[in-house]
C-alpha cells in the first residue's frame, strides 16, 4: 500500500509540473480580474440540479451554490448558532399549543422587486408537504398543523405545531428549507422547474448561466435588500474534480479560491503556494458507511457479520492516515447523532475497538468456515459485499482500499461499486431497500440540531434505504422531538445512539475536515463547517 501511494504521489507531481509549464495565466491576471469585479472559484463537485428541496438536489454542491440565492429564515454560523436572516429578530414562541410566530423583515424582497411575505412561508410549507413532489426531507414540515397555522399579515406567519417540536429552528435553516417564491412557482412542476437554474433570488447572488460539466456563473443581485459590501459583480464557479488540477489552477491564477474535499497531498501543495491563504478545520460533515440489513449476509440472522465488520476495521489508524496529516487532533467518530465537537457528544460506538482476532473467532463461533480463497462462508452465504462510494473522490478511493485490506484480513471480501454523485444519490442510494447496495459509504452534513439526520434511522423514515427498524429507537427519537429541555432531549438521543451502536445500521468513521483556500487579495472568506458551505457570508466579500 505504501508503494502505491508513493507512486501515485509521484505521478501527481509530474502532472503538476507539466501543467505548470503550460499555464498561461499569472498572479497579475488574477489581480486584474478581481479588480474588474470577477472572482473565479474552483469547486470539487457539480450539482445535478439547482433545486435544493428535491432528492436530486440533496448534495453539498447544490446547497453551497443555492444558499446565496435562496435564503432560509435562519443562517447557521460556523459556531453552529442560528442567526436570523429573513427574520426581523427572534420569533415569538408559545407553549400551548406549541406555536412560533415569524415576523419577516419589512425590507426583504425578491430580486424582481416583489416583497417576501408570509404567503411565501405558507407556500413553502405546502410545497414541502406535497406528495406529488420528490422532496428530500419532509419530517419537520409534517409536524406543522396547516389548518391551525395562518397568515397574520403580509410579513407575519403564525405556525402552529401538532405537538411540541424541539428542532423547530432547523426547519428553515438550510438550503432544503429555503423560502420559496409563491408568485413564481405557483402552478409549476416543482420537480423540474429549477433543474437548470433558479429564476429569482432573495439573497446577494443570482443565477446567470450553467455550462454543465464546466462551470456556472452567478452574478450580484442588484436589488438585494440586505447589508452587503459591493465586492464582486460576478462569480464564475469552475467544476474541477481532480485535486492535482485544482492545485495547478490555483498556482496558475486560473482560479482565485478553492473549496474542495481535503486530501493530504492537496493541503501540502496548497500550503506551498505564494499569495494563497488556506484553512483546514474540523467540519460538520461526518463520514460513515451504512450496512444494508435487507440483503443476504447482513440481515438479522447474520447480525454477527455486521459485528465482525465493525471489529475488523482499525478506525483509529484510518483517521491517523487519512485525516491526521491535515488535522492531527482528529479522533474517530463514535456517534451517529452528534459530531465530536458538539457539546452533547457522547461516544457510543467505541465498543467496537479494533480486534481482528476477535472478529475471526466470532465468525467461527457461528459456524462460518473459510473457503480456499480465505473468504468466510456462513450458512452457505459467502461474505463478499459491494462497497458503494462516489467516483472521483480520492480520499474515499484510498479509504476503500484501506477498509478492503482490513476486512480481507479477517476473511470478508469487498468489491468497489462507484457512480458519479448525481446517480449515486439520485438512483443508487434510494434503491437500497431493493438490495441495490450492501455497504454504502457517504457523508452527512450535521447541523446545529441532529433532527434531519435522524430520518436515516426511523422505521418509516424518508431516507431509510437500509431496511433498518428498531421500535425503541423510533420511540426515543420521537420523544426527543417533543422534549424541549435540551439536557433531557440529549439523554433520549444518547439512548437511541447506544441501541444503534449495538445493531449497526451504520459505522461512523470520522468528522471530516473542511478545506478552503483563497487569494490574499480577497477579504472575507471563512470556512463554515455547516452545510452552508464556502459562500455562507459572500455578501461581505471584497478585494483588499
Protein backbone atom coordinates (compact mmCIF):
# COMPACT_ATOMS: atom_id res chain seq x y z
CA UNK A 1 0.00 0.00 0.00
CA UNK A 2 2.84 2.39 0.80
CA UNK A 3 4.47 1.78 -2.60
CA UNK A 4 1.19 2.50 -4.37
CA UNK A 5 0.70 5.79 -2.54
CA UNK A 6 4.26 6.95 -3.27
CA UNK A 7 3.91 6.12 -6.94
CA UNK A 8 0.56 7.94 -7.05
CA UNK A 9 2.10 10.98 -5.39
CA UNK A 10 5.00 10.97 -7.83
CA UNK A 11 2.56 10.86 -10.73
CA UNK A 12 0.67 13.82 -9.26
CA UNK A 13 3.92 15.80 -9.04
CA UNK A 14 4.74 15.06 -12.68
CA UNK A 15 1.26 16.17 -13.77
CA UNK A 16 1.59 19.37 -11.77
CA UNK A 17 4.99 20.15 -13.31
CA UNK A 18 3.65 19.57 -16.82
CA UNK A 19 0.58 21.66 -16.14
CA UNK A 20 2.75 24.45 -14.69
CA UNK A 21 4.73 24.64 -17.90
CA UNK A 22 1.50 25.05 -19.89
CA UNK A 23 -0.15 27.62 -17.65
CA UNK A 24 -0.80 30.89 -19.44
CA UNK A 25 -2.11 32.94 -16.52
CA UNK A 26 -0.16 34.78 -13.85
CA UNK A 27 -0.97 36.33 -10.46
CA UNK A 28 -1.14 39.64 -12.35
CA UNK A 29 -4.02 38.21 -14.40
CA UNK A 30 -5.78 37.31 -11.19
CA UNK A 31 -5.30 40.81 -9.82
CA UNK A 32 -6.75 42.37 -12.94
CA UNK A 33 -9.71 40.01 -12.97
CA UNK A 34 -10.52 40.71 -9.33
CA UNK A 35 -10.21 44.44 -9.92
CA UNK A 36 -12.75 44.10 -12.72
CA UNK A 37 -15.21 42.55 -10.29
CA UNK A 38 -14.96 38.87 -11.25
CA UNK A 39 -14.00 36.12 -8.80
CA UNK A 40 -13.30 32.62 -10.14
CA UNK A 41 -13.69 29.74 -7.67
CA UNK A 42 -12.89 26.07 -8.07
CA UNK A 43 -15.37 23.51 -6.71
CA UNK A 44 -14.78 19.77 -6.47
CA UNK A 45 -18.40 18.79 -7.08
CA UNK A 46 -21.04 19.90 -9.57
CA UNK A 47 -24.75 19.92 -8.70
CA UNK A 48 -27.15 17.61 -10.52
CA UNK A 49 -29.96 20.18 -10.35
CA UNK A 50 -30.32 23.61 -8.77
CA UNK A 51 -33.40 22.87 -6.67
CA UNK A 52 -32.14 22.15 -3.11
CA UNK A 53 -35.51 20.85 -1.89
CA UNK A 54 -35.77 17.74 -4.10
CA UNK A 55 -33.88 14.45 -3.71
CA UNK A 56 -31.56 15.10 -6.66
CA UNK A 57 -30.57 18.40 -5.09
CA UNK A 58 -29.56 16.78 -1.80
CA UNK A 59 -25.84 17.37 -2.46
CA UNK A 60 -23.41 19.67 -0.72
CA UNK A 61 -22.64 21.27 -4.09
CA UNK A 62 -26.30 22.21 -4.54
CA UNK A 63 -26.55 23.62 -1.03
CA UNK A 64 -23.33 25.62 -1.39
CA UNK A 65 -24.45 27.29 -4.61
CA UNK A 66 -28.11 27.88 -3.82
CA UNK A 67 -27.89 29.34 -0.32
CA UNK A 68 -26.54 32.72 -1.55
CA UNK A 69 -29.50 32.78 -3.97
CA UNK A 70 -32.37 31.42 -1.84
CA UNK A 71 -32.36 32.43 1.80
CA UNK A 72 -33.98 30.36 4.56
CA UNK A 73 -35.28 32.09 7.67
CA UNK A 74 -32.06 31.40 9.61
CA UNK A 75 -28.37 31.14 8.81
CA UNK A 76 -26.11 28.66 10.56
CA UNK A 77 -22.85 30.32 11.59
CA UNK A 78 -19.51 28.47 11.89
CA UNK A 79 -20.28 28.23 15.63
CA UNK A 80 -23.47 26.22 14.86
CA UNK A 81 -25.60 29.14 16.03
CA UNK A 82 -28.88 30.24 14.44
CA UNK A 83 -28.68 33.77 13.07
CA UNK A 84 -31.97 35.41 11.97
CA UNK A 85 -31.71 36.06 8.23
CA UNK A 86 -35.09 36.83 6.66
CA UNK A 87 -36.47 37.27 10.18
CA UNK A 88 -36.95 40.55 11.98
CA UNK A 89 -35.43 39.40 15.28
CA UNK A 90 -36.28 36.30 17.25
CA UNK A 91 -39.72 34.70 16.70
CA UNK A 92 -42.35 34.63 19.42
CA UNK A 93 -42.78 31.11 20.89
CA UNK A 94 -45.89 29.92 22.74
CA UNK A 95 -46.22 26.57 24.51
CA UNK A 96 -49.90 25.51 24.41
CA UNK A 97 -50.34 24.72 21.61
CA UNK A 98 -46.70 24.94 20.56
CA UNK A 99 -46.66 27.94 18.24
CA UNK A 100 -43.95 30.01 16.57
CA UNK A 101 -44.84 33.41 15.14
CA UNK A 102 -42.37 34.55 12.49
CA UNK A 103 -42.01 38.20 11.53
CA UNK A 104 -40.20 38.84 8.23
CA UNK A 105 -38.06 41.91 7.68
CA UNK A 106 -40.01 44.74 6.08
CA UNK A 107 -37.25 45.41 3.57
CA UNK A 108 -36.91 41.75 2.44
CA UNK A 109 -37.78 41.48 -1.26
CA UNK A 110 -37.23 39.13 -4.18
CA UNK A 111 -34.83 40.21 -6.91
CA UNK A 112 -37.79 41.12 -9.16
CA UNK A 113 -38.95 43.66 -6.58
CA UNK A 114 -41.83 41.62 -5.14
CA UNK A 115 -41.85 41.65 -1.30
CA UNK A 116 -41.03 38.43 0.55
CA UNK A 117 -44.21 37.77 2.53
CA UNK A 118 -45.96 35.36 4.86
CA UNK A 119 -47.63 33.92 1.76
CA UNK A 120 -44.18 32.63 0.72
CA UNK A 121 -43.82 30.80 4.05
CA UNK A 122 -47.25 29.23 3.59
CA UNK A 123 -46.41 28.21 0.01
CA UNK A 124 -43.08 26.73 1.13
CA UNK A 125 -44.79 24.56 3.74
CA UNK A 126 -47.43 23.38 1.27
CA UNK A 127 -44.74 22.52 -1.28
CA UNK A 128 -42.78 20.56 1.31
CA UNK A 129 -45.90 18.54 2.17
CA UNK A 130 -46.98 17.93 -1.43
CA UNK A 131 -46.65 14.17 -2.02
CA UNK A 132 -46.52 14.73 -5.78
CA UNK A 133 -43.01 16.16 -5.43
CA UNK A 134 -39.76 14.32 -4.65
CA UNK A 135 -38.99 16.35 -1.52
CA UNK A 136 -35.82 15.07 0.16
CA UNK A 137 -36.90 15.65 3.79
CA UNK A 138 -40.48 16.30 4.96
CA UNK A 139 -40.13 15.41 8.65
CA UNK A 140 -40.27 18.93 10.10
CA UNK A 141 -43.00 20.12 7.75
CA UNK A 142 -45.15 17.16 8.77
CA UNK A 143 -45.12 18.45 12.34
CA UNK A 144 -46.94 21.65 11.34
CA UNK A 145 -50.72 21.86 11.72
CA UNK A 146 -51.55 23.58 8.45
CA UNK A 147 -55.22 24.08 9.35
CA UNK A 148 -54.35 25.94 12.55
CA UNK A 149 -51.42 27.90 11.06
CA UNK A 150 -52.29 31.20 9.40
CA UNK A 151 -51.07 34.38 7.80
CA UNK A 152 -51.41 37.21 10.34
CA UNK A 153 -50.40 39.98 7.95
CA UNK A 154 -48.15 40.41 4.92
CA UNK A 155 -44.99 39.97 6.96
CA UNK A 156 -46.20 37.72 9.82
CA UNK A 157 -46.88 33.98 9.81
CA UNK A 158 -48.21 32.07 12.82
CA UNK A 159 -47.00 28.47 12.63
CA UNK A 160 -48.85 26.03 14.92
CA UNK A 161 -47.31 22.62 15.53
CA UNK A 162 -49.20 19.40 16.18
CA UNK A 163 -47.12 18.90 19.33
CA UNK A 164 -44.06 20.49 20.94
CA UNK A 165 -41.27 20.38 18.37
CA UNK A 166 -37.75 20.79 19.79
CA UNK A 167 -35.87 21.21 16.46
CA UNK A 168 -38.19 23.92 15.14
CA UNK A 169 -35.30 26.23 14.24
CA UNK A 170 -33.73 23.59 12.00
CA UNK A 171 -36.85 23.53 9.82
CA UNK A 172 -35.85 26.66 7.88
CA UNK A 173 -32.10 26.96 8.42
CA UNK A 174 -30.50 25.31 5.39
CA UNK A 175 -30.94 25.02 1.62
CA UNK A 176 -33.61 22.33 1.97
CA UNK A 177 -35.52 24.89 4.00
CA UNK A 178 -35.12 27.94 1.79
CA UNK A 179 -38.22 30.10 1.50
CA UNK A 180 -39.80 29.70 -1.95
CA UNK A 181 -41.36 32.47 -4.10
CA UNK A 182 -45.07 31.75 -4.37
CA UNK A 183 -45.56 34.31 -7.14
CA UNK A 184 -43.02 32.50 -9.35
CA UNK A 185 -43.63 28.82 -8.57
CA UNK A 186 -47.41 28.64 -8.12
CA UNK A 187 -48.74 26.17 -10.70
CA UNK A 188 -45.28 24.97 -11.82
CA UNK A 189 -43.96 21.39 -11.69
CA UNK A 190 -41.67 21.79 -8.68
CA UNK A 191 -39.71 18.63 -9.53
CA UNK A 192 -38.46 20.16 -12.77
CA UNK A 193 -38.88 23.94 -12.75
CA UNK A 194 -35.45 24.68 -11.27
CA UNK A 195 -33.42 21.80 -12.69
CA UNK A 196 -31.23 24.15 -14.75
CA UNK A 197 -31.30 27.39 -12.81
CA UNK A 198 -33.11 29.45 -10.18
CA UNK A 199 -35.11 32.26 -11.72
CA UNK A 200 -35.45 34.67 -8.78
CA UNK A 201 -33.30 35.49 -5.76
CA UNK A 202 -33.77 36.52 -2.14
CA UNK A 203 -30.03 36.57 -1.41
CA UNK A 204 -26.97 38.54 -2.52
CA UNK A 205 -26.36 36.47 -5.69
CA UNK A 206 -28.44 35.49 -8.73
CA UNK A 207 -28.16 32.61 -11.15
CA UNK A 208 -26.84 33.66 -14.58
CA UNK A 209 -25.72 30.61 -16.61
CA UNK A 210 -24.59 26.98 -16.41
CA UNK A 211 -22.30 25.18 -18.82
CA UNK A 212 -22.80 21.67 -17.49
CA UNK A 213 -19.60 19.79 -16.86
CA UNK A 214 -17.58 23.00 -16.96
CA UNK A 215 -18.76 25.97 -14.92
CA UNK A 216 -21.62 28.02 -13.52
CA UNK A 217 -21.84 31.80 -13.32
CA UNK A 218 -23.62 33.72 -10.58
CA UNK A 219 -23.97 37.48 -10.56
CA UNK A 220 -24.61 40.08 -7.89
CA UNK A 221 -28.26 40.72 -7.06
CA UNK A 222 -28.53 44.45 -7.69
CA UNK A 223 -31.81 44.50 -5.76
CA UNK A 224 -30.50 42.69 -2.68
CA UNK A 225 -32.26 44.16 0.34
CA UNK A 226 -29.67 43.22 2.99
CA UNK A 227 -26.44 44.83 4.10
CA UNK A 228 -23.57 43.95 1.78
CA UNK A 229 -20.18 45.02 0.52
CA UNK A 230 -20.17 45.78 -3.23
CA UNK A 231 -17.18 43.49 -3.61
CA UNK A 232 -17.68 41.41 -6.75
CA UNK A 233 -20.15 41.61 -9.62
CA UNK A 234 -19.73 38.07 -10.91
CA UNK A 235 -18.70 34.66 -9.57
CA UNK A 236 -17.52 32.04 -12.04
CA UNK A 237 -17.61 28.60 -10.44
CA UNK A 238 -15.45 26.02 -12.21
CA UNK A 239 -16.04 22.33 -11.50
CA UNK A 240 -12.66 20.65 -11.04
CA UNK A 241 -12.79 17.11 -9.72
CA UNK A 242 -9.08 16.21 -9.81
CA UNK A 243 -7.12 17.60 -6.85
CA UNK A 244 -3.88 17.93 -8.83
CA UNK A 245 -5.70 20.08 -11.38
CA UNK A 246 -7.20 22.13 -8.54
CA UNK A 247 -3.72 22.94 -7.22
CA UNK A 248 -2.46 23.84 -10.66
CA UNK A 249 -5.44 26.11 -11.24
CA UNK A 250 -4.60 28.00 -8.03
CA UNK A 251 -0.91 28.15 -8.89
CA UNK A 252 -1.57 29.44 -12.40
CA UNK A 253 -4.12 32.06 -11.24
CA UNK A 254 -6.86 30.32 -13.23
CA UNK A 255 -8.97 30.34 -10.06
CA UNK A 256 -8.90 32.73 -7.12
CA UNK A 257 -10.19 30.37 -4.48
CA UNK A 258 -10.82 26.66 -3.96
CA UNK A 259 -13.41 24.76 -1.94
CA UNK A 260 -12.66 21.06 -2.02
CA UNK A 261 -12.78 17.78 -0.19
CA UNK A 262 -9.45 17.95 1.64
CA UNK A 263 -6.79 15.45 0.60
CA UNK A 264 -3.38 15.23 2.30
CA UNK A 265 -1.41 15.92 -0.89
CA UNK A 266 -3.74 18.77 -1.82
CA UNK A 267 -3.29 20.56 1.51
CA UNK A 268 0.50 20.07 1.43
CA UNK A 269 0.77 21.54 -2.05
CA UNK A 270 -1.52 24.50 -1.38
CA UNK A 271 0.50 25.27 1.74
CA UNK A 272 3.50 25.97 -0.51
CA UNK A 273 1.72 28.41 -2.84
CA UNK A 274 2.63 32.10 -2.51
CA UNK A 275 -0.16 34.59 -2.12
CA UNK A 276 -2.70 31.93 -1.12
CA UNK A 277 -4.30 31.62 2.30
CA UNK A 278 -5.86 28.36 3.38
CA UNK A 279 -7.61 26.88 6.38
CA UNK A 280 -8.38 23.33 7.46
CA UNK A 281 -10.86 22.98 10.30
CA UNK A 282 -12.99 20.25 11.79
CA UNK A 283 -16.19 20.15 9.83
CA UNK A 284 -19.82 19.39 10.49
CA UNK A 285 -19.65 16.54 7.98
CA UNK A 286 -19.49 13.05 9.42
CA UNK A 287 -18.15 10.18 7.34
CA UNK A 288 -19.74 6.75 7.75
CA UNK A 289 -20.87 3.70 5.87
CA UNK A 290 -24.26 2.06 6.09
CA UNK A 291 -24.86 -1.68 6.39
CA UNK A 292 -27.93 -2.85 4.49
CA UNK A 293 -29.97 -5.04 6.84
CA UNK A 294 -32.14 -6.17 3.95
CA UNK A 295 -29.51 -8.07 1.97
CA UNK A 296 -28.19 -11.61 2.34
CA UNK A 297 -25.34 -11.89 4.82
CA UNK A 298 -26.10 -8.66 6.72
CA UNK A 299 -29.67 -9.23 7.94
CA UNK A 300 -30.79 -10.16 11.44
CA UNK A 301 -29.80 -13.81 11.05
CA UNK A 302 -26.28 -12.57 10.30
CA UNK A 303 -26.02 -9.74 12.84
CA UNK A 304 -22.70 -11.24 13.92
CA UNK A 305 -21.30 -10.46 10.44
CA UNK A 306 -22.04 -6.77 10.98
CA UNK A 307 -20.25 -7.01 14.33
CA UNK A 308 -17.24 -8.70 12.72
CA UNK A 309 -17.04 -5.90 10.16
CA UNK A 310 -17.04 -3.29 12.95
CA UNK A 311 -14.34 -5.20 14.84
CA UNK A 312 -12.23 -5.75 11.74
CA UNK A 313 -11.62 -2.07 10.87
CA UNK A 314 -8.99 -0.07 12.71
CA UNK A 315 -10.83 3.25 12.67
CA UNK A 316 -8.22 4.99 14.80
CA UNK A 317 -5.47 4.11 12.32
CA UNK A 318 -7.76 5.05 9.43
CA UNK A 319 -8.19 8.53 10.91
CA UNK A 320 -4.46 8.85 11.58
CA UNK A 321 -3.58 8.01 7.97
CA UNK A 322 -6.33 9.90 6.17
CA UNK A 323 -7.10 12.89 8.39
CA UNK A 324 -4.12 13.17 10.75
CA UNK A 325 -1.78 14.94 8.28
CA UNK A 326 -4.43 17.65 7.82
CA UNK A 327 -5.85 17.72 11.35
CA UNK A 328 -3.55 15.99 13.88
CA UNK A 329 -6.18 16.32 16.64
CA UNK A 330 -8.76 14.28 14.71
CA UNK A 331 -10.36 11.33 16.50
CA UNK A 332 -12.64 8.54 15.29
CA UNK A 333 -16.31 9.45 15.38
CA UNK A 334 -18.22 7.32 17.90
CA UNK A 335 -21.79 8.54 17.33
CA UNK A 336 -24.32 8.78 14.52
CA UNK A 337 -26.28 11.51 16.31
CA UNK A 338 -23.69 14.14 17.25
CA UNK A 339 -20.19 15.01 15.97
CA UNK A 340 -17.11 15.21 18.19
CA UNK A 341 -17.03 18.96 18.72
CA UNK A 342 -20.69 19.35 19.72
CA UNK A 343 -21.22 19.79 23.47
CA UNK A 344 -23.83 16.98 23.52
CA UNK A 345 -21.44 14.43 22.01
CA UNK A 346 -21.04 11.13 23.86
CA UNK A 347 -19.27 8.07 22.40
CA UNK A 348 -21.49 5.05 21.79
CA UNK A 349 -19.65 3.15 19.04
CA UNK A 350 -16.36 2.98 20.97
CA UNK A 351 -17.41 -0.54 21.99
CA UNK A 352 -16.20 -1.61 18.53
CA UNK A 353 -12.46 -1.44 19.07
CA UNK A 354 -10.09 -2.99 16.53
CA UNK A 355 -9.96 -6.72 17.20
CA UNK A 356 -9.26 -8.80 14.07
CA UNK A 357 -8.65 -11.99 16.05
CA UNK A 358 -11.94 -11.49 17.86
CA UNK A 359 -13.72 -10.87 14.54
CA UNK A 360 -12.44 -14.12 13.04
CA UNK A 361 -13.31 -16.01 16.24
CA UNK A 362 -16.83 -14.54 16.21
CA UNK A 363 -17.42 -15.80 12.68
CA UNK A 364 -16.15 -19.28 13.53
CA UNK A 365 -18.35 -19.40 16.66
CA UNK A 366 -21.35 -19.01 14.38
CA UNK A 367 -20.31 -21.92 12.18
CA UNK A 368 -18.64 -19.95 9.41
CA UNK A 369 -15.81 -21.66 7.52
CA UNK A 370 -13.22 -20.24 5.15
CA UNK A 371 -13.08 -21.25 1.52
CA UNK A 372 -9.93 -21.88 -0.48
CA UNK A 373 -9.66 -18.15 -1.16
CA UNK A 374 -9.71 -17.36 2.58
CA UNK A 375 -13.19 -15.78 2.49
CA UNK A 376 -15.67 -16.97 5.12
CA UNK A 377 -18.88 -18.75 4.16
CA UNK A 378 -21.70 -18.55 6.72
CA UNK A 379 -24.82 -20.72 6.31
CA UNK A 380 -24.00 -21.07 2.62
CA UNK A 381 -23.51 -17.30 2.19
CA UNK A 382 -20.07 -16.21 1.00
CA UNK A 383 -19.10 -13.00 2.82
CA UNK A 384 -18.46 -10.88 -0.25
CA UNK A 385 -20.10 -7.45 -0.33
CA UNK A 386 -20.26 -4.49 -2.67
CA UNK A 387 -18.93 -1.27 -1.12
CA UNK A 388 -20.52 1.78 -2.76
CA UNK A 389 -18.90 5.22 -2.79
CA UNK A 390 -18.83 8.25 -5.10
CA UNK A 391 -16.42 8.18 -8.01
CA UNK A 392 -13.77 10.88 -8.35
CA UNK A 393 -13.20 11.27 -4.59
CA UNK A 394 -9.54 10.48 -3.97
CA UNK A 395 -9.90 10.32 -0.20
CA UNK A 396 -12.75 7.82 -0.48
CA UNK A 397 -10.82 5.75 -3.00
CA UNK A 398 -7.90 5.41 -0.58
CA UNK A 399 -10.34 4.82 2.27
CA UNK A 400 -11.91 1.94 0.35
CA UNK A 401 -8.51 0.35 -0.30
CA UNK A 402 -7.64 0.52 3.41
CA UNK A 403 -11.00 -0.83 4.60
CA UNK A 404 -10.89 -3.53 1.91
CA UNK A 405 -7.50 -4.68 3.20
CA UNK A 406 -8.67 -4.73 6.83
CA UNK A 407 -11.72 -6.86 6.02
CA UNK A 408 -9.81 -9.14 3.66
CA UNK A 409 -7.55 -9.92 6.60
CA UNK A 410 -10.50 -11.23 8.63
CA UNK A 411 -11.99 -13.18 5.72
CA UNK A 412 -14.56 -10.72 4.31
CA UNK A 413 -14.32 -9.55 0.71
CA UNK A 414 -15.24 -6.07 -0.52
CA UNK A 415 -15.70 -5.08 -4.15
CA UNK A 416 -15.85 -1.49 -5.38
CA UNK A 417 -19.21 -0.08 -6.52
CA UNK A 418 -18.84 3.52 -7.71
CA UNK A 419 -21.01 6.04 -9.55
CA UNK A 420 -20.98 9.76 -10.18
CA UNK A 421 -22.55 11.79 -7.33
CA UNK A 422 -25.83 12.52 -9.14
CA UNK A 423 -26.50 8.84 -9.92
CA UNK A 424 -25.09 7.75 -6.58
CA UNK A 425 -27.61 9.69 -4.51
CA UNK A 426 -30.39 10.11 -7.06
CA UNK A 427 -30.65 6.46 -8.16
CA UNK A 428 -28.41 4.03 -6.26
CA UNK A 429 -28.99 5.12 -2.65
CA UNK A 430 -32.83 5.18 -2.81
CA UNK A 431 -32.69 1.66 -4.31
CA UNK A 432 -31.03 0.22 -1.21
CA UNK A 433 -34.34 -1.17 0.03
CA UNK A 434 -34.43 -3.22 -3.19
CA UNK A 435 -30.96 -4.61 -2.49
CA UNK A 436 -29.09 -2.37 -4.95
CA UNK A 437 -26.22 -1.91 -2.48
CA UNK A 438 -24.79 -3.70 0.54
CA UNK A 439 -22.36 -1.25 2.15
CA UNK A 440 -22.82 2.41 1.29
CA UNK A 441 -20.11 4.97 2.12
CA UNK A 442 -21.21 8.58 2.31
CA UNK A 443 -21.01 11.69 4.45
CA UNK A 444 -23.80 13.65 6.08
CA UNK A 445 -23.80 17.33 6.86
CA UNK A 446 -24.56 17.75 10.51
CA UNK A 447 -26.45 20.83 11.62
CA UNK A 448 -26.76 22.58 14.95
CA UNK A 449 -29.65 20.19 15.59
CA UNK A 450 -29.37 16.44 14.79
CA UNK A 451 -33.02 16.13 13.73
CA UNK A 452 -32.53 15.96 9.91
CA UNK A 453 -30.07 13.07 10.22
CA UNK A 454 -32.46 11.10 12.44
CA UNK A 455 -34.59 10.43 9.36
CA UNK A 456 -31.91 7.90 8.41
CA UNK A 457 -32.81 5.54 11.22
CA UNK A 458 -36.60 5.83 11.53
CA UNK A 459 -38.51 2.68 10.53
CA UNK A 460 -40.66 4.69 8.13
CA UNK A 461 -38.10 7.44 7.57
CA UNK A 462 -37.97 9.05 4.14
CA UNK A 463 -34.25 8.24 3.92
CA UNK A 464 -34.27 4.75 5.46
CA UNK A 465 -32.93 2.80 2.50
CA UNK A 466 -31.07 0.17 4.54
CA UNK A 467 -34.13 -1.79 5.80
CA UNK A 468 -33.27 -1.00 9.42
CA UNK A 469 -36.03 -0.75 12.01
CA UNK A 470 -36.00 -0.68 15.81
CA UNK A 471 -39.21 0.42 17.51
CA UNK A 472 -37.40 1.55 20.65
CA UNK A 473 -35.12 3.80 18.60
CA UNK A 474 -38.23 5.21 16.91
CA UNK A 475 -39.82 5.84 20.30
CA UNK A 476 -36.76 7.59 21.71
CA UNK A 477 -36.24 9.74 18.61
CA UNK A 478 -39.94 10.64 18.55
CA UNK A 479 -39.79 11.60 22.24
CA UNK A 480 -36.71 13.73 21.59
CA UNK A 481 -38.62 15.83 19.08
CA UNK A 482 -41.19 16.86 21.66
CA UNK A 483 -38.75 17.29 24.56
CA UNK A 484 -37.99 20.99 24.86
CA UNK A 485 -35.47 20.63 27.70
CA UNK A 486 -32.04 20.39 25.97
CA UNK A 487 -30.44 18.09 28.55
CA UNK A 488 -33.33 15.62 28.68
CA UNK A 489 -33.52 15.65 24.91
CA UNK A 490 -29.82 14.79 24.59
CA UNK A 491 -30.28 11.92 27.05
CA UNK A 492 -33.02 10.43 24.87
CA UNK A 493 -30.81 10.63 21.80
CA UNK A 494 -27.85 9.10 23.63
CA UNK A 495 -30.02 6.09 24.47
CA UNK A 496 -31.07 5.75 20.83
CA UNK A 497 -27.44 6.07 19.76
CA UNK A 498 -26.43 3.25 22.14
CA UNK A 499 -29.05 0.90 20.67
CA UNK A 500 -27.90 1.67 17.14
CA UNK A 501 -24.31 1.05 18.20
CA UNK A 502 -25.41 -2.49 19.13
CA UNK A 503 -27.39 -3.08 15.94
CA UNK A 504 -25.08 -1.34 13.47
CA UNK A 505 -27.26 0.24 10.78
CA UNK A 506 -24.07 2.20 10.10
CA UNK A 507 -20.50 2.51 11.31
CA UNK A 508 -19.27 6.09 11.88
CA UNK A 509 -15.70 6.77 10.80
CA UNK A 510 -14.66 10.37 11.47
CA UNK A 511 -15.62 14.03 11.40
CA UNK A 512 -14.44 15.26 8.01
CA UNK A 513 -12.24 18.36 7.86
CA UNK A 514 -13.28 21.45 5.89
CA UNK A 515 -10.78 22.95 3.45
CA UNK A 516 -10.84 26.40 1.90
CA UNK A 517 -8.07 28.26 0.05
CA UNK A 518 -8.23 31.78 -1.37
CA UNK A 519 -6.08 34.57 -2.76
CA UNK A 520 -4.79 37.05 -0.20
CA UNK A 521 -6.26 39.75 -2.44
CA UNK A 522 -9.73 38.61 -1.33
CA UNK A 523 -11.12 39.69 2.01
CA UNK A 524 -13.95 37.89 3.77
CA UNK A 525 -13.83 34.11 3.12
CA UNK A 526 -14.08 31.97 6.24
CA UNK A 527 -14.74 28.21 6.43
CA UNK A 528 -18.15 27.20 7.72
CA UNK A 529 -18.40 23.56 8.86
CA UNK A 530 -22.20 23.51 8.49
CA UNK A 531 -23.98 22.78 5.21
CA UNK A 532 -23.89 26.49 4.39
CA UNK A 533 -20.54 25.86 2.71
CA UNK A 534 -17.91 28.20 1.35
CA UNK A 535 -20.18 31.08 0.28
CA UNK A 536 -22.13 31.42 3.53
CA UNK A 537 -21.06 35.08 4.02
CA UNK A 538 -20.37 36.05 0.41
CA UNK A 539 -22.26 39.35 0.80
CA UNK A 540 -19.32 40.78 2.80
CA UNK A 541 -16.51 39.61 0.49
CA UNK A 542 -14.37 42.26 -1.14
CA UNK A 543 -10.98 42.97 -2.69
CA UNK A 544 -8.16 44.05 -0.42
